[in-house]
Amino acid sequence: MNMRLLFLPLLIIFCIGCYEEPFYKLNVNVVNQNLSPIENAEVIISVQDENGNIIDSANVYKTGFTNSNGNILFEFENLGFFNIESTKIFDNGNATICGSASVGLEENTTKEITILNTESNCN
């Protein structure tokens, strides 16, 4: 039997095992004006038009709350350019601070962004 024929199936199996699905991750850090982490800040990831309206057909809308270090990690299936909004409510709903930013993802990279929550007019 030809030795090449023996190694061909092994080579195919090896090459199939080499492929890894790309990943797209975003680590959001939310801080206050003193640069201290904000725990339990709500973070919303969306795609918006030039007027700030969410584009529903983009099928990207993720939300979650930051941990005790002010961090939250999001995972996506594709590249994208997203709007990030964060809001923290204090004093039983009597005070709110917020912040926002935009970010583009990169393949096989965990993109990091820090949102500074300082605005009190969070409409």
Protein backbone atom coordinates (compact mmCIF):
# COMPACT_ATOMS: atom_id res chain seq x y z
CA MET A 1 0.00 0.00 0.00
CA ASN A 2 1.22 3.45 -0.82
CA MET A 3 2.41 5.40 2.27
CA ARG A 4 0.83 8.59 0.91
CA LEU A 5 -2.59 7.00 1.04
CA LEU A 6 -2.08 6.17 4.71
CA PHE A 7 -1.11 9.72 5.67
CA LEU A 8 -3.79 11.49 3.58
CA PRO A 9 -6.69 10.70 5.99
CA LEU A 10 -4.53 11.74 8.95
CA LEU A 11 -3.65 15.01 7.22
CA ILE A 12 -7.32 15.73 6.50
CA ILE A 13 -8.33 15.02 10.10
CA PHE A 14 -5.49 17.21 11.39
CA CYS A 15 -6.46 20.14 9.14
CA ILE A 16 -10.13 19.92 10.12
CA GLY A 17 -9.12 20.06 13.77
CA CYS A 18 -7.07 23.22 13.12
CA TYR A 19 -10.03 25.45 12.24
CA GLU A 20 -11.40 27.57 15.06
CA GLU A 21 -14.52 29.67 14.84
CA PRO A 22 -13.67 33.37 15.12
CA PHE A 23 -14.86 35.17 18.23
CA TYR A 24 -16.00 38.73 18.78
CA LYS A 25 -16.03 39.93 22.39
CA LEU A 26 -16.56 43.26 24.08
CA ASN A 27 -15.54 43.97 27.68
CA VAL A 28 -17.27 47.10 29.00
CA ASN A 29 -15.94 48.88 32.10
CA VAL A 30 -18.24 51.45 33.72
CA VAL A 31 -16.72 54.07 36.03
CA ASN A 32 -17.84 57.26 37.79
CA GLN A 33 -16.19 60.68 37.67
CA ASN A 34 -13.62 59.52 40.25
CA LEU A 35 -12.79 56.58 37.94
CA SER A 36 -14.19 54.16 40.53
CA PRO A 37 -16.03 51.10 39.17
CA ILE A 38 -19.83 51.26 39.18
CA GLU A 39 -21.50 48.02 40.26
CA ASN A 40 -24.94 47.05 38.89
CA ALA A 41 -24.93 49.65 36.13
CA GLU A 42 -27.18 48.58 33.27
CA VAL A 43 -25.31 48.32 29.97
CA ILE A 44 -27.17 48.20 26.65
CA ILE A 45 -25.51 47.31 23.33
CA SER A 46 -27.42 48.22 20.17
CA VAL A 47 -27.11 49.44 16.61
CA GLN A 48 -28.46 52.95 16.12
CA ASP A 49 -29.06 55.28 13.20
CA GLU A 50 -27.66 58.80 12.95
CA ASN A 51 -30.58 60.12 15.06
CA GLY A 52 -29.97 57.70 17.93
CA ASN A 53 -32.90 55.42 17.12
CA ILE A 54 -32.32 51.70 17.59
CA ILE A 55 -32.31 49.80 14.29
CA ASP A 56 -34.42 46.72 15.02
CA SER A 57 -33.51 45.01 11.75
CA ALA A 58 -29.86 44.88 12.88
CA ASN A 59 -30.89 42.09 15.30
CA VAL A 60 -28.34 43.26 17.88
CA TYR A 61 -29.66 44.23 21.27
CA LYS A 62 -27.87 42.98 24.35
CA THR A 63 -28.24 44.10 27.91
CA GLY A 64 -26.78 43.21 31.28
CA PHE A 65 -25.48 44.59 34.57
CA THR A 66 -21.90 45.22 35.61
CA ASN A 67 -20.24 43.12 38.30
CA SER A 68 -18.60 44.43 41.48
CA ASN A 69 -15.59 45.54 39.42
CA GLY A 70 -17.78 47.57 37.05
CA ASN A 71 -17.25 45.07 34.20
CA ILE A 72 -19.48 43.10 31.88
CA LEU A 73 -18.46 40.88 28.96
CA PHE A 74 -20.56 40.52 25.80
CA GLU A 75 -20.05 37.98 23.01
CA PHE A 76 -21.22 38.42 19.43
CA GLU A 77 -21.49 36.19 16.36
CA ASN A 78 -20.20 38.76 13.85
CA LEU A 79 -18.27 41.95 13.45
CA GLY A 80 -20.18 45.13 14.08
CA PHE A 81 -20.15 48.78 15.07
CA PHE A 82 -22.27 49.24 18.18
CA ASN A 83 -23.60 51.93 20.46
CA ILE A 84 -23.08 51.34 24.19
CA GLU A 85 -25.19 53.01 26.84
CA SER A 86 -24.80 52.62 30.58
CA THR A 87 -27.11 53.82 33.32
CA LYS A 88 -26.94 53.65 37.11
CA ILE A 89 -29.92 54.58 39.27
CA PHE A 90 -29.31 55.76 42.86
CA ASP A 91 -31.40 56.90 45.83
CA ASN A 92 -34.43 54.69 45.09
CA GLY A 93 -34.79 56.12 41.59
CA ASN A 94 -34.28 59.77 42.50
CA ALA A 95 -30.81 60.09 40.92
CA THR A 96 -29.40 58.69 37.70
CA ILE A 97 -26.03 58.92 36.00
CA CYS A 98 -25.29 57.66 32.52
CA GLY A 99 -22.74 57.55 29.75
CA SER A 100 -22.38 56.30 26.20
CA ALA A 101 -19.84 55.45 23.54
CA SER A 102 -19.48 53.64 20.23
CA VAL A 103 -17.16 50.78 19.40
CA GLY A 104 -16.23 48.55 16.48
CA LEU A 105 -15.37 44.91 17.10
CA GLU A 106 -12.37 43.04 15.75
CA GLU A 107 -12.12 39.36 14.87
CA ASN A 108 -10.54 37.11 17.54
CA THR A 109 -10.05 40.06 19.88
CA THR A 110 -11.68 41.01 23.15
CA LYS A 111 -12.23 44.72 22.63
CA GLU A 112 -12.18 46.81 25.83
CA ILE A 113 -13.97 50.10 26.37
CA THR A 114 -14.52 52.26 29.44
CA ILE A 115 -17.73 54.24 29.83
CA LEU A 116 -17.58 57.28 32.09
CA ASN A 117 -20.99 57.73 33.77
CA THR A 118 -21.26 61.39 34.69
CA GLU A 119 -24.30 62.83 32.91
CA SER A 120 -27.36 63.37 35.06
CA ASN A 121 -29.69 64.12 32.15
CA CYS A 122 -30.27 60.56 30.92
CA ASN A 123 -33.14 60.80 28.44
